[in-house]
Amino acid sequence: MKRILYIAFLVLASCSGASEEELPPMPEEQFVALLTDIRLLEGTYSVKFRDVTRDELAAYYVQVFQKHGITEEEYKRSLMIYHRDPNRMMAMEDEVMRRLSLMLAGDQVTTDESILPDKLKE
């Protein structure tokens, strides 16, 4: 009898947890803004990679996270949750690319260059 109750409890517990959608720590708009800054940092790094060490780059990621008021763990958790919905993630990546294209065209500059190391601003 205890075994049946235990199995019933497990089934009910697993069903109730599966129906709830896990919410990411970061709202979508904030996540897109963060990804835009990360892509800008990564792109700048890839162009001028000889002068910046991996440790220095890691420190700049921390600055980006601080700018957006999140931790690296919150970023990773949000990324994992958003990746569960490929269409949503693709739409966010498209928005990041749109924002970067506007920056490149000079139509809109919204990124705070203070997050970039002096070596990458040159």
PDB file of N, CA and C in Angstrom:
ATOM      1  N   MET A   1       0.823  -1.197   0.000  1.00  0.00           N
ATOM      2  CA  MET A   1       0.000   0.000   0.000  1.00  0.00           C
ATOM      3  C   MET A   1       0.865   1.257   0.000  1.00  0.00           C
ATOM      4  N   LYS A   2       1.923   1.252   0.838  1.00  0.00           N
ATOM      5  CA  LYS A   2       2.818   2.418   0.880  1.00  0.00           C
ATOM      6  C   LYS A   2       3.487   2.628  -0.468  1.00  0.00           C
ATOM      7  N   ARG A   3       3.820   1.517  -1.117  1.00  0.00           N
ATOM      8  CA  ARG A   3       4.476   1.614  -2.418  1.00  0.00           C
ATOM      9  C   ARG A   3       3.542   2.271  -3.436  1.00  0.00           C
ATOM     10  N   ILE A   4       2.277   1.930  -3.424  1.00  0.00           N
ATOM     11  CA  ILE A   4       1.318   2.516  -4.347  1.00  0.00           C
ATOM     12  C   ILE A   4       1.162   4.011  -4.074  1.00  0.00           C
ATOM     13  N   LEU A   5       1.070   4.390  -2.812  1.00  0.00           N
ATOM     14  CA  LEU A   5       0.959   5.810  -2.465  1.00  0.00           C
ATOM     15  C   LEU A   5       2.210   6.577  -2.891  1.00  0.00           C
ATOM     16  N   TYR A   6       3.363   5.964  -2.700  1.00  0.00           N
ATOM     17  CA  TYR A   6       4.620   6.602  -3.085  1.00  0.00           C
ATOM     18  C   TYR A   6       4.671   6.817  -4.596  1.00  0.00           C
ATOM     19  N   ILE A   7       4.285   5.810  -5.369  1.00  0.00           N
ATOM     20  CA  ILE A   7       4.282   5.924  -6.833  1.00  0.00           C
ATOM     21  C   ILE A   7       3.275   6.980  -7.274  1.00  0.00           C
ATOM     22  N   ALA A   8       2.100   6.982  -6.656  1.00  0.00           N
ATOM     23  CA  ALA A   8       1.088   7.991  -6.987  1.00  0.00           C
ATOM     24  C   ALA A   8       1.613   9.392  -6.690  1.00  0.00           C
ATOM     25  N   PHE A   9       2.293   9.558  -5.562  1.00  0.00           N
ATOM     26  CA  PHE A   9       2.875  10.853  -5.212  1.00  0.00           C
ATOM     27  C   PHE A   9       3.903  11.292  -6.246  1.00  0.00           C
ATOM     28  N   LEU A  10       4.764  10.378  -6.664  1.00  0.00           N
ATOM     29  CA  LEU A  10       5.774  10.704  -7.669  1.00  0.00           C
ATOM     30  C   LEU A  10       5.144  11.112  -8.998  1.00  0.00           C
ATOM     31  N   VAL A  11       4.102  10.391  -9.397  1.00  0.00           N
ATOM     32  CA  VAL A  11       3.428  10.719 -10.650  1.00  0.00           C
ATOM     33  C   VAL A  11       2.792  12.102 -10.569  1.00  0.00           C
ATOM     34  N   LEU A  12       2.101  12.386  -9.480  1.00  0.00           N
ATOM     35  CA  LEU A  12       1.472  13.696  -9.319  1.00  0.00           C
ATOM     36  C   LEU A  12       2.505  14.818  -9.253  1.00  0.00           C
ATOM     37  N   ALA A  13       3.579  14.583  -8.544  1.00  0.00           N
ATOM     38  CA  ALA A  13       4.623  15.601  -8.414  1.00  0.00           C
ATOM     39  C   ALA A  13       5.278  15.882  -9.764  1.00  0.00           C
ATOM     40  N   SER A  14       5.534  14.848 -10.536  1.00  0.00           N
ATOM     41  CA  SER A  14       6.176  15.057 -11.832  1.00  0.00           C
ATOM     42  C   SER A  14       5.228  15.743 -12.807  1.00  0.00           C
ATOM     43  N   CYS A  15       3.959  15.450 -12.741  1.00  0.00           N
ATOM     44  CA  CYS A  15       2.989  16.099 -13.632  1.00  0.00           C
ATOM     45  C   CYS A  15       2.831  17.572 -13.289  1.00  0.00           C
ATOM     46  N   SER A  16       2.772  17.886 -12.030  1.00  0.00           N
ATOM     47  CA  SER A  16       2.570  19.282 -11.650  1.00  0.00           C
ATOM     48  C   SER A  16       3.789  20.123 -12.012  1.00  0.00           C
ATOM     49  N   GLY A  17       4.987  19.590 -11.887  1.00  0.00           N
ATOM     50  CA  GLY A  17       6.197  20.334 -12.216  1.00  0.00           C
ATOM     51  C   GLY A  17       6.373  20.519 -13.711  1.00  0.00           C
ATOM     52  N   ALA A  18       5.917  19.567 -14.483  1.00  0.00           N
ATOM     53  CA  ALA A  18       6.101  19.630 -15.924  1.00  0.00           C
ATOM     54  C   ALA A  18       5.206  20.676 -16.572  1.00  0.00           C
ATOM     55  N   SER A  19       4.083  20.980 -15.947  1.00  0.00           N
ATOM     56  CA  SER A  19       3.158  21.906 -16.573  1.00  0.00           C
ATOM     57  C   SER A  19       3.541  23.369 -16.333  1.00  0.00           C
ATOM     58  N   GLU A  20       4.367  23.629 -15.346  1.00  0.00           N
ATOM     59  CA  GLU A  20       4.772  24.994 -15.050  1.00  0.00           C
ATOM     60  C   GLU A  20       5.961  25.382 -15.923  1.00  0.00           C
ATOM     61  N   GLU A  21       5.855  26.531 -16.562  1.00  0.00           N
ATOM     62  CA  GLU A  21       6.956  27.017 -17.380  1.00  0.00           C
ATOM     63  C   GLU A  21       7.944  27.761 -16.501  1.00  0.00           C
ATOM     64  N   GLU A  22       9.201  27.394 -16.621  1.00  0.00           N
ATOM     65  CA  GLU A  22      10.241  28.057 -15.837  1.00  0.00           C
ATOM     66  C   GLU A  22      10.549  29.416 -16.461  1.00  0.00           C
ATOM     67  N   LEU A  23      10.519  30.440 -15.642  1.00  0.00           N
ATOM     68  CA  LEU A  23      10.792  31.789 -16.123  1.00  0.00           C
ATOM     69  C   LEU A  23      12.272  32.108 -15.977  1.00  0.00           C
ATOM     70  N   PRO A  24      12.860  32.726 -17.005  1.00  0.00           N
ATOM     71  CA  PRO A  24      14.269  33.112 -16.913  1.00  0.00           C
ATOM     72  C   PRO A  24      14.447  34.261 -15.925  1.00  0.00           C
ATOM     73  N   PRO A  25      15.619  34.349 -15.293  1.00  0.00           N
ATOM     74  CA  PRO A  25      15.884  35.444 -14.358  1.00  0.00           C
ATOM     75  C   PRO A  25      15.847  36.818 -15.020  1.00  0.00           C
ATOM     76  N   MET A  26      16.130  36.876 -16.314  1.00  0.00           N
ATOM     77  CA  MET A  26      16.164  38.153 -17.036  1.00  0.00           C
ATOM     78  C   MET A  26      15.002  38.236 -18.013  1.00  0.00           C
ATOM     79  N   PRO A  27      14.264  39.358 -18.008  1.00  0.00           N
ATOM     80  CA  PRO A  27      13.232  39.551 -19.030  1.00  0.00           C
ATOM     81  C   PRO A  27      13.869  39.632 -20.419  1.00  0.00           C
ATOM     82  N   GLU A  28      13.074  39.346 -21.413  1.00  0.00           N
ATOM     83  CA  GLU A  28      13.585  39.257 -22.780  1.00  0.00           C
ATOM     84  C   GLU A  28      14.280  40.540 -23.245  1.00  0.00           C
ATOM     85  N   GLU A  29      13.698  41.703 -23.007  1.00  0.00           N
ATOM     86  CA  GLU A  29      14.301  42.965 -23.458  1.00  0.00           C
ATOM     87  C   GLU A  29      15.663  43.195 -22.803  1.00  0.00           C
ATOM     88  N   GLN A  30      15.761  42.921 -21.516  1.00  0.00           N
ATOM     89  CA  GLN A  30      17.035  43.081 -20.812  1.00  0.00           C
ATOM     90  C   GLN A  30      18.060  42.083 -21.351  1.00  0.00           C
ATOM     91  N   PHE A  31      17.602  40.880 -21.661  1.00  0.00           N
ATOM     92  CA  PHE A  31      18.496  39.856 -22.188  1.00  0.00           C
ATOM     93  C   PHE A  31      19.028  40.265 -23.563  1.00  0.00           C
ATOM     94  N   VAL A  32      18.177  40.833 -24.407  1.00  0.00           N
ATOM     95  CA  VAL A  32      18.605  41.296 -25.734  1.00  0.00           C
ATOM     96  C   VAL A  32      19.639  42.419 -25.597  1.00  0.00           C
ATOM     97  N   ALA A  33      19.394  43.342 -24.672  1.00  0.00           N
ATOM     98  CA  ALA A  33      20.356  44.432 -24.453  1.00  0.00           C
ATOM     99  C   ALA A  33      21.700  43.875 -23.976  1.00  0.00           C
ATOM    100  N   LEU A  34      21.655  42.897 -23.091  1.00  0.00           N
ATOM    101  CA  LEU A  34      22.883  42.261 -22.609  1.00  0.00           C
ATOM    102  C   LEU A  34      23.599  41.544 -23.745  1.00  0.00           C
ATOM    103  N   LEU A  35      22.862  40.764 -24.538  1.00  0.00           N
ATOM    104  CA  LEU A  35      23.478  40.057 -25.660  1.00  0.00           C
ATOM    105  C   LEU A  35      24.108  41.031 -26.656  1.00  0.00           C
ATOM    106  N   THR A  36      23.474  42.172 -26.853  1.00  0.00           N
ATOM    107  CA  THR A  36      24.029  43.178 -27.758  1.00  0.00           C
ATOM    108  C   THR A  36      25.391  43.639 -27.243  1.00  0.00           C
ATOM    109  N   ASP A  37      25.476  43.930 -25.960  1.00  0.00           N
ATOM    110  CA  ASP A  37      26.757  44.356 -25.389  1.00  0.00           C
ATOM    111  C   ASP A  37      27.792  43.233 -25.436  1.00  0.00           C
ATOM    112  N   ILE A  38      27.352  42.005 -25.203  1.00  0.00           N
ATOM    113  CA  ILE A  38      28.286  40.870 -25.258  1.00  0.00           C
ATOM    114  C   ILE A  38      28.811  40.694 -26.678  1.00  0.00           C
ATOM    115  N   ARG A  39      27.927  40.759 -27.663  1.00  0.00           N
ATOM    116  CA  ARG A  39      28.371  40.611 -29.058  1.00  0.00           C
ATOM    117  C   ARG A  39      29.315  41.744 -29.459  1.00  0.00           C
ATOM    118  N   LEU A  40      29.048  42.948 -28.980  1.00  0.00           N
ATOM    119  CA  LEU A  40      29.935  44.076 -29.257  1.00  0.00           C
ATOM    120  C   LEU A  40      31.306  43.835 -28.638  1.00  0.00           C
ATOM    121  N   LEU A  41      31.330  43.381 -27.410  1.00  0.00           N
ATOM    122  CA  LEU A  41      32.595  43.083 -26.736  1.00  0.00           C
ATOM    123  C   LEU A  41      33.341  41.972 -27.465  1.00  0.00           C
ATOM    124  N   GLU A  42      32.645  40.903 -27.818  1.00  0.00           N
ATOM    125  CA  GLU A  42      33.283  39.783 -28.506  1.00  0.00           C
ATOM    126  C   GLU A  42      33.807  40.182 -29.885  1.00  0.00           C
ATOM    127  N   GLY A  43      33.024  40.988 -30.593  1.00  0.00           N
ATOM    128  CA  GLY A  43      33.456  41.439 -31.915  1.00  0.00           C
ATOM    129  C   GLY A  43      34.676  42.327 -31.835  1.00  0.00           C
ATOM    130  N   THR A  44      34.675  43.215 -30.869  1.00  0.00           N
ATOM    131  CA  THR A  44      35.823  44.098 -30.682  1.00  0.00           C
ATOM    132  C   THR A  44      37.047  43.287 -30.291  1.00  0.00           C
ATOM    133  N   TYR A  45      36.845  42.322 -29.412  1.00  0.00           N
ATOM    134  CA  TYR A  45      37.945  41.452 -28.985  1.00  0.00           C
ATOM    135  C   TYR A  45      38.511  40.673 -30.169  1.00  0.00           C
ATOM    136  N   SER A  46      37.644  40.156 -31.023  1.00  0.00           N
ATOM    137  CA  SER A  46      38.130  39.327 -32.129  1.00  0.00           C
ATOM    138  C   SER A  46      38.955  40.133 -33.128  1.00  0.00           C
ATOM    139  N   VAL A  47      38.671  41.429 -33.240  1.00  0.00           N
ATOM    140  CA  VAL A  47      39.428  42.280 -34.157  1.00  0.00           C
ATOM    141  C   VAL A  47      40.787  42.636 -33.564  1.00  0.00           C
ATOM    142  N   LYS A  48      40.819  42.849 -32.254  1.00  0.00           N
ATOM    143  CA  LYS A  48      42.054  43.301 -31.600  1.00  0.00           C
ATOM    144  C   LYS A  48      42.508  42.305 -30.542  1.00  0.00           C
ATOM    145  N   PHE A  49      42.446  41.020 -30.848  1.00  0.00           N
ATOM    146  CA  PHE A  49      42.688  39.972 -29.854  1.00  0.00           C
ATOM    147  C   PHE A  49      44.126  39.889 -29.359  1.00  0.00           C
ATOM    148  N   ARG A  50      45.086  40.369 -30.089  1.00  0.00           N
ATOM    149  CA  ARG A  50      46.483  40.207 -29.696  1.00  0.00           C
ATOM    150  C   ARG A  50      46.837  40.946 -28.404  1.00  0.00           C
ATOM    151  N   ASP A  51      46.134  42.031 -28.125  1.00  0.00           N
ATOM    152  CA  ASP A  51      46.495  42.875 -26.995  1.00  0.00           C
ATOM    153  C   ASP A  51      45.731  42.572 -25.704  1.00  0.00           C
ATOM    154  N   VAL A  52      44.789  41.640 -25.738  1.00  0.00           N
ATOM    155  CA  VAL A  52      43.951  41.376 -24.569  1.00  0.00           C
ATOM    156  C   VAL A  52      44.046  39.906 -24.200  1.00  0.00           C
ATOM    157  N   THR A  53      44.332  39.646 -22.931  1.00  0.00           N
ATOM    158  CA  THR A  53      44.414  38.261 -22.471  1.00  0.00           C
ATOM    159  C   THR A  53      43.018  37.740 -22.162  1.00  0.00           C
ATOM    160  N   ARG A  54      42.899  36.443 -22.031  1.00  0.00           N
ATOM    161  CA  ARG A  54      41.610  35.832 -21.681  1.00  0.00           C
ATOM    162  C   ARG A  54      41.144  36.297 -20.304  1.00  0.00           C
ATOM    163  N   ASP A  55      42.074  36.474 -19.384  1.00  0.00           N
ATOM    164  CA  ASP A  55      41.713  36.963 -18.051  1.00  0.00           C
ATOM    165  C   ASP A  55      41.152  38.381 -18.120  1.00  0.00           C
ATOM    166  N   GLU A  56      41.778  39.220 -18.948  1.00  0.00           N
ATOM    167  CA  GLU A  56      41.267  40.580 -19.115  1.00  0.00           C
ATOM    168  C   GLU A  56      39.873  40.554 -19.734  1.00  0.00           C
ATOM    169  N   LEU A  57      39.682  39.686 -20.728  1.00  0.00           N
ATOM    170  CA  LEU A  57      38.380  39.575 -21.371  1.00  0.00           C
ATOM    171  C   LEU A  57      37.324  39.109 -20.367  1.00  0.00           C
ATOM    172  N   ALA A  58      37.674  38.150 -19.530  1.00  0.00           N
ATOM    173  CA  ALA A  58      36.736  37.669 -18.510  1.00  0.00           C
ATOM    174  C   ALA A  58      36.326  38.807 -17.579  1.00  0.00           C
ATOM    175  N   ALA A  59      37.262  39.671 -17.254  1.00  0.00           N
ATOM    176  CA  ALA A  59      36.954  40.812 -16.384  1.00  0.00           C
ATOM    177  C   ALA A  59      35.976  41.766 -17.074  1.00  0.00           C
ATOM    178  N   TYR A  60      36.062  41.891 -18.390  1.00  0.00           N
ATOM    179  CA  TYR A  60      35.140  42.768 -19.110  1.00  0.00           C
ATOM    180  C   TYR A  60      33.742  42.165 -19.202  1.00  0.00           C
ATOM    181  N   TYR A  61      33.671  40.843 -19.261  1.00  0.00           N
ATOM    182  CA  TYR A  61      32.353  40.200 -19.182  1.00  0.00           C
ATOM    183  C   TYR A  61      31.692  40.537 -17.843  1.00  0.00           C
ATOM    184  N   VAL A  62      32.466  40.491 -16.780  1.00  0.00           N
ATOM    185  CA  VAL A  62      31.935  40.840 -15.460  1.00  0.00           C
ATOM    186  C   VAL A  62      31.397  42.265 -15.471  1.00  0.00           C
ATOM    187  N   GLN A  63      32.129  43.181 -16.108  1.00  0.00           N
ATOM    188  CA  GLN A  63      31.662  44.569 -16.192  1.00  0.00           C
ATOM    189  C   GLN A  63      30.351  44.671 -16.967  1.00  0.00           C
ATOM    190  N   VAL A  64      30.214  43.882 -18.022  1.00  0.00           N
ATOM    191  CA  VAL A  64      28.966  43.889 -18.794  1.00  0.00           C
ATOM    192  C   VAL A  64      27.822  43.385 -17.918  1.00  0.00           C
ATOM    193  N   PHE A  65      28.068  42.307 -17.181  1.00  0.00           N
ATOM    194  CA  PHE A  65      27.027  41.779 -16.299  1.00  0.00           C
ATOM    195  C   PHE A  65      26.642  42.818 -15.241  1.00  0.00           C
ATOM    196  N   GLN A  66      27.628  43.487 -14.680  1.00  0.00           N
ATOM    197  CA  GLN A  66      27.353  44.520 -13.671  1.00  0.00           C
ATOM    198  C   GLN A  66      26.548  45.666 -14.275  1.00  0.00           C
ATOM    199  N   LYS A  67      26.887  46.074 -15.475  1.00  0.00           N
ATOM    200  CA  LYS A  67      26.158  47.153 -16.146  1.00  0.00           C
ATOM    201  C   LYS A  67      24.670  46.817 -16.235  1.00  0.00           C
ATOM    202  N   HIS A  68      24.371  45.548 -16.459  1.00  0.00           N
ATOM    203  CA  HIS A  68      22.979  45.121 -16.624  1.00  0.00           C
ATOM    204  C   HIS A  68      22.360  44.624 -15.315  1.00  0.00           C
ATOM    205  N   GLY A  69      23.129  44.706 -14.231  1.00  0.00           N
ATOM    206  CA  GLY A  69      22.594  44.359 -12.922  1.00  0.00           C
ATOM    207  C   GLY A  69      22.303  42.884 -12.722  1.00  0.00           C
ATOM    208  N   ILE A  70      23.130  42.032 -13.319  1.00  0.00           N
ATOM    209  CA  ILE A  70      22.932  40.586 -13.174  1.00  0.00           C
ATOM    210  C   ILE A  70      24.258  39.913 -12.851  1.00  0.00           C
ATOM    211  N   THR A  71      24.178  38.652 -12.515  1.00  0.00           N
ATOM    212  CA  THR A  71      25.376  37.846 -12.292  1.00  0.00           C
ATOM    213  C   THR A  71      25.601  36.943 -13.505  1.00  0.00           C
ATOM    214  N   GLU A  72      26.779  36.374 -13.581  1.00  0.00           N
ATOM    215  CA  GLU A  72      27.070  35.434 -14.659  1.00  0.00           C
ATOM    216  C   GLU A  72      26.132  34.234 -14.575  1.00  0.00           C
ATOM    217  N   GLU A  73      25.814  33.804 -13.371  1.00  0.00           N
ATOM    218  CA  GLU A  73      24.922  32.663 -13.183  1.00  0.00           C
ATOM    219  C   GLU A  73      23.519  32.973 -13.718  1.00  0.00           C
ATOM    220  N   GLU A  74      23.032  34.201 -13.460  1.00  0.00           N
ATOM    221  CA  GLU A  74      21.714  34.595 -13.975  1.00  0.00           C
ATOM    222  C   GLU A  74      21.718  34.634 -15.501  1.00  0.00           C
ATOM    223  N   TYR A  75      22.815  35.105 -16.067  1.00  0.00           N
ATOM    224  CA  TYR A  75      22.952  35.117 -17.526  1.00  0.00           C
ATOM    225  C   TYR A  75      22.904  33.695 -18.071  1.00  0.00           C
ATOM    226  N   LYS A  76      23.703  32.813 -17.491  1.00  0.00           N
ATOM    227  CA  LYS A  76      23.751  31.433 -17.976  1.00  0.00           C
ATOM    228  C   LYS A  76      22.395  30.743 -17.829  1.00  0.00           C
ATOM    229  N   ARG A  77      21.718  31.000 -16.714  1.00  0.00           N
ATOM    230  CA  ARG A  77      20.396  30.405 -16.477  1.00  0.00           C
ATOM    231  C   ARG A  77      19.392  30.926 -17.507  1.00  0.00           C
ATOM    232  N   SER A  78      19.412  32.234 -17.742  1.00  0.00           N
ATOM    233  CA  SER A  78      18.513  32.816 -18.743  1.00  0.00           C
ATOM    234  C   SER A  78      18.807  32.246 -20.123  1.00  0.00           C
ATOM    235  N   LEU A  79      20.072  32.156 -20.473  1.00  0.00           N
ATOM    236  CA  LEU A  79      20.474  31.623 -21.774  1.00  0.00           C
ATOM    237  C   LEU A  79      19.965  30.195 -21.942  1.00  0.00           C
ATOM    238  N   MET A  80      20.123  29.378 -20.902  1.00  0.00           N
ATOM    239  CA  MET A  80      19.674  27.990 -20.957  1.00  0.00           C
ATOM    240  C   MET A  80      18.155  27.916 -21.166  1.00  0.00           C
ATOM    241  N   ILE A  81      17.412  28.736 -20.446  1.00  0.00           N
ATOM    242  CA  ILE A  81      15.951  28.713 -20.550  1.00  0.00           C
ATOM    243  C   ILE A  81      15.505  29.227 -21.915  1.00  0.00           C
ATOM    244  N   TYR A  82      16.087  30.319 -22.377  1.00  0.00           N
ATOM    245  CA  TYR A  82      15.699  30.859 -23.686  1.00  0.00           C
ATOM    246  C   TYR A  82      16.058  29.895 -24.825  1.00  0.00           C
ATOM    247  N   HIS A  83      17.127  29.139 -24.675  1.00  0.00           N
ATOM    248  CA  HIS A  83      17.527  28.179 -25.709  1.00  0.00           C
ATOM    249  C   HIS A  83      16.543  27.024 -25.826  1.00  0.00           C
ATOM    250  N   ARG A  84      15.692  26.836 -24.846  1.00  0.00           N
ATOM    251  CA  ARG A  84      14.672  25.778 -24.928  1.00  0.00           C
ATOM    252  C   ARG A  84      13.614  26.092 -25.985  1.00  0.00           C
ATOM    253  N   ASP A  85      13.514  27.364 -26.366  1.00  0.00           N
ATOM    254  CA  ASP A  85      12.564  27.794 -27.383  1.00  0.00           C
ATOM    255  C   ASP A  85      13.372  28.390 -28.537  1.00  0.00           C
ATOM    256  N   PRO A  86      13.785  27.550 -29.489  1.00  0.00           N
ATOM    257  CA  PRO A  86      14.676  28.021 -30.564  1.00  0.00           C
ATOM    258  C   PRO A  86      14.116  29.196 -31.363  1.00  0.00           C
ATOM    259  N   ASN A  87      12.812  29.221 -31.599  1.00  0.00           N
ATOM    260  CA  ASN A  87      12.235  30.339 -32.367  1.00  0.00           C
ATOM    261  C   ASN A  87      12.353  31.654 -31.604  1.00  0.00           C
ATOM    262  N   ARG A  88      12.114  31.605 -30.318  1.00  0.00           N
ATOM    263  CA  ARG A  88      12.232  32.807 -29.485  1.00  0.00           C
ATOM    264  C   ARG A  88      13.687  33.277 -29.442  1.00  0.00           C
ATOM    265  N   MET A  89      14.602  32.320 -29.275  1.00  0.00           N
ATOM    266  CA  MET A  89      16.024  32.660 -29.218  1.00  0.00           C
ATOM    267  C   MET A  89      16.486  33.246 -30.549  1.00  0.00           C
ATOM    268  N   MET A  90      16.006  32.676 -31.644  1.00  0.00           N
ATOM    269  CA  MET A  90      16.372  33.188 -32.967  1.00  0.00           C
ATOM    270  C   MET A  90      15.862  34.614 -33.140  1.00  0.00           C
ATOM    271  N   ALA A  91      14.657  34.893 -32.675  1.00  0.00           N
ATOM    272  CA  ALA A  91      14.105  36.247 -32.774  1.00  0.00           C
ATOM    273  C   ALA A  91      14.942  37.225 -31.946  1.00  0.00           C
ATOM    274  N   MET A  92      15.393  36.794 -30.774  1.00  0.00           N
ATOM    275  CA  MET A  92      16.231  37.667 -29.950  1.00  0.00           C
ATOM    276  C   MET A  92      17.576  37.912 -30.631  1.00  0.00           C
ATOM    277  N   GLU A  93      18.170  36.873 -31.210  1.00  0.00           N
ATOM    278  CA  GLU A  93      19.444  37.033 -31.920  1.00  0.00           C
ATOM    279  C   GLU A  93      19.273  37.951 -33.135  1.00  0.00           C
ATOM    280  N   ASP A  94      18.134  37.850 -33.810  1.00  0.00           N
ATOM    281  CA  ASP A  94      17.860  38.752 -34.933  1.00  0.00           C
ATOM    282  C   ASP A  94      17.791  40.204 -34.458  1.00  0.00           C
ATOM    283  N   GLU A  95      17.178  40.417 -33.296  1.00  0.00           N
ATOM    284  CA  GLU A  95      17.095  41.777 -32.749  1.00  0.00           C
ATOM    285  C   GLU A  95      18.481  42.297 -32.371  1.00  0.00           C
ATOM    286  N   VAL A  96      19.308  41.424 -31.823  1.00  0.00           N
ATOM    287  CA  VAL A  96      20.690  41.814 -31.500  1.00  0.00           C
ATOM    288  C   VAL A  96      21.410  42.241 -32.780  1.00  0.00           C
ATOM    289  N   MET A  97      21.277  41.453 -33.831  1.00  0.00           N
ATOM    290  CA  MET A  97      21.931  41.788 -35.096  1.00  0.00           C
ATOM    291  C   MET A  97      21.390  43.104 -35.673  1.00  0.00           C
ATOM    292  N   ARG A  98      20.081  43.342 -35.532  1.00  0.00           N
ATOM    293  CA  ARG A  98      19.500  44.593 -36.003  1.00  0.00           C
ATOM    294  C   ARG A  98      20.104  45.781 -35.261  1.00  0.00           C
ATOM    295  N   ARG A  99      20.231  45.644 -33.948  1.00  0.00           N
ATOM    296  CA  ARG A  99      20.800  46.729 -33.134  1.00  0.00           C
ATOM    297  C   ARG A  99      22.261  46.975 -33.494  1.00  0.00           C
ATOM    298  N   LEU A 100      23.011  45.901 -33.679  1.00  0.00           N
ATOM    299  CA  LEU A 100      24.420  46.060 -34.044  1.00  0.00           C
ATOM    300  C   LEU A 100      24.560  46.685 -35.427  1.00  0.00           C
ATOM    301  N   SER A 101      23.681  46.321 -36.334  1.00  0.00           N
ATOM    302  CA  SER A 101      23.706  46.915 -37.679  1.00  0.00           C
ATOM    303  C   SER A 101      23.428  48.410 -37.619  1.00  0.00           C
ATOM    304  N   LEU A 102      22.470  48.805 -36.770  1.00  0.00           N
ATOM    305  CA  LEU A 102      22.191  50.238 -36.607  1.00  0.00           C
ATOM    306  C   LEU A 102      23.399  50.969 -36.035  1.00  0.00           C
ATOM    307  N   MET A 103      24.070  50.340 -35.080  1.00  0.00           N
ATOM    308  CA  MET A 103      25.274  50.958 -34.506  1.00  0.00           C
ATOM    309  C   MET A 103      26.350  51.114 -35.572  1.00  0.00           C
ATOM    310  N   LEU A 104      26.523  50.079 -36.371  1.00  0.00           N
ATOM    311  CA  LEU A 104      27.535  50.105 -37.421  1.00  0.00           C
ATOM    312  C   LEU A 104      27.221  51.176 -38.459  1.00  0.00           C
ATOM    313  N   ALA A 105      25.945  51.341 -38.757  1.00  0.00           N
ATOM    314  CA  ALA A 105      25.534  52.353 -39.732  1.00  0.00           C
ATOM    315  C   ALA A 105      25.585  53.762 -39.148  1.00  0.00           C
ATOM    316  N   GLY A 106      25.771  53.849 -37.833  1.00  0.00           N
ATOM    317  CA  GLY A 106      25.846  55.152 -37.198  1.00  0.00           C
ATOM    318  C   GLY A 106      24.496  55.771 -36.915  1.00  0.00           C
ATOM    319  N   ASP A 107      23.426  54.997 -37.114  1.00  0.00           N
ATOM    320  CA  ASP A 107      22.082  55.512 -36.884  1.00  0.00           C
ATOM    321  C   ASP A 107      21.726  55.564 -35.412  1.00  0.00           C
ATOM    322  N   GLN A 108      22.324  54.680 -34.643  1.00  0.00           N
ATOM    323  CA  GLN A 108      21.945  54.601 -33.230  1.00  0.00           C
ATOM    324  C   GLN A 108      23.099  53.990 -32.457  1.00  0.00           C
ATOM    325  N   VAL A 109      23.556  54.689 -31.472  1.00  0.00           N
ATOM    326  CA  VAL A 109      24.612  54.163 -30.622  1.00  0.00           C
ATOM    327  C   VAL A 109      24.064  54.110 -29.210  1.00  0.00           C
ATOM    328  N   THR A 110      23.872  52.885 -28.716  1.00  0.00           N
ATOM    329  CA  THR A 110      23.290  52.740 -27.387  1.00  0.00           C
ATOM    330  C   THR A 110      24.217  52.009 -26.427  1.00  0.00           C
ATOM    331  N   THR A 111      25.369  51.593 -26.930  1.00  0.00           N
ATOM    332  CA  THR A 111      26.264  50.826 -26.082  1.00  0.00           C
ATOM    333  C   THR A 111      27.204  51.745 -25.330  1.00  0.00           C
ATOM    334  N   ASP A 112      27.371  51.480 -24.076  1.00  0.00           N
ATOM    335  CA  ASP A 112      28.250  52.246 -23.211  1.00  0.00           C
ATOM    336  C   ASP A 112      29.675  51.756 -23.425  1.00  0.00           C
ATOM    337  N   GLU A 113      30.496  52.565 -24.083  1.00  0.00           N
ATOM    338  CA  GLU A 113      31.862  52.141 -24.372  1.00  0.00           C
ATOM    339  C   GLU A 113      32.734  52.078 -23.136  1.00  0.00           C
ATOM    340  N   SER A 114      32.232  52.518 -21.990  1.00  0.00           N
ATOM    341  CA  SER A 114      33.035  52.435 -20.781  1.00  0.00           C
ATOM    342  C   SER A 114      33.264  50.985 -20.362  1.00  0.00           C
ATOM    343  N   ILE A 115      32.478  50.054 -20.915  1.00  0.00           N
ATOM    344  CA  ILE A 115      32.696  48.648 -20.582  1.00  0.00           C
ATOM    345  C   ILE A 115      33.857  48.066 -21.368  1.00  0.00           C
ATOM    346  N   LEU A 116      34.301  48.775 -22.419  1.00  0.00           N
ATOM    347  CA  LEU A 116      35.398  48.262 -23.221  1.00  0.00           C
ATOM    348  C   LEU A 116      36.733  48.693 -22.629  1.00  0.00           C
ATOM    349  N   PRO A 117      37.704  47.805 -22.657  1.00  0.00           N
ATOM    350  CA  PRO A 117      39.033  48.181 -22.180  1.00  0.00           C
ATOM    351  C   PRO A 117      39.635  49.219 -23.099  1.00  0.00           C
ATOM    352  N   ASP A 118      40.550  50.023 -22.566  1.00  0.00           N
ATOM    353  CA  ASP A 118      41.199  51.055 -23.361  1.00  0.00           C
ATOM    354  C   ASP A 118      41.853  50.462 -24.598  1.00  0.00           C
ATOM    355  N   LYS A 119      42.397  49.260 -24.456  1.00  0.00           N
ATOM    356  CA  LYS A 119      43.044  48.612 -25.592  1.00  0.00           C
ATOM    357  C   LYS A 119      42.089  48.385 -26.745  1.00  0.00           C
ATOM    358  N   LEU A 120      40.799  48.198 -26.447  1.00  0.00           N
ATOM    359  CA  LEU A 120      39.819  47.904 -27.490  1.00  0.00           C
ATOM    360  C   LEU A 120      39.130  49.156 -28.019  1.00  0.00           C
ATOM    361  N   LYS A 121      39.303  50.286 -27.369  1.00  0.00           N
ATOM    362  CA  LYS A 121      38.656  51.526 -27.808  1.00  0.00           C
ATOM    363  C   LYS A 121      39.422  52.190 -28.940  1.00  0.00           C
ATOM    364  N   GLU A 122      40.680  51.864 -29.073  1.00  0.00           N
ATOM    365  CA  GLU A 122      41.557  52.519 -30.060  1.00  0.00           C
ATOM    366  C   GLU A 122      41.120  52.240 -31.467  1.00  0.00           C
TER     367      GLU A 122
END
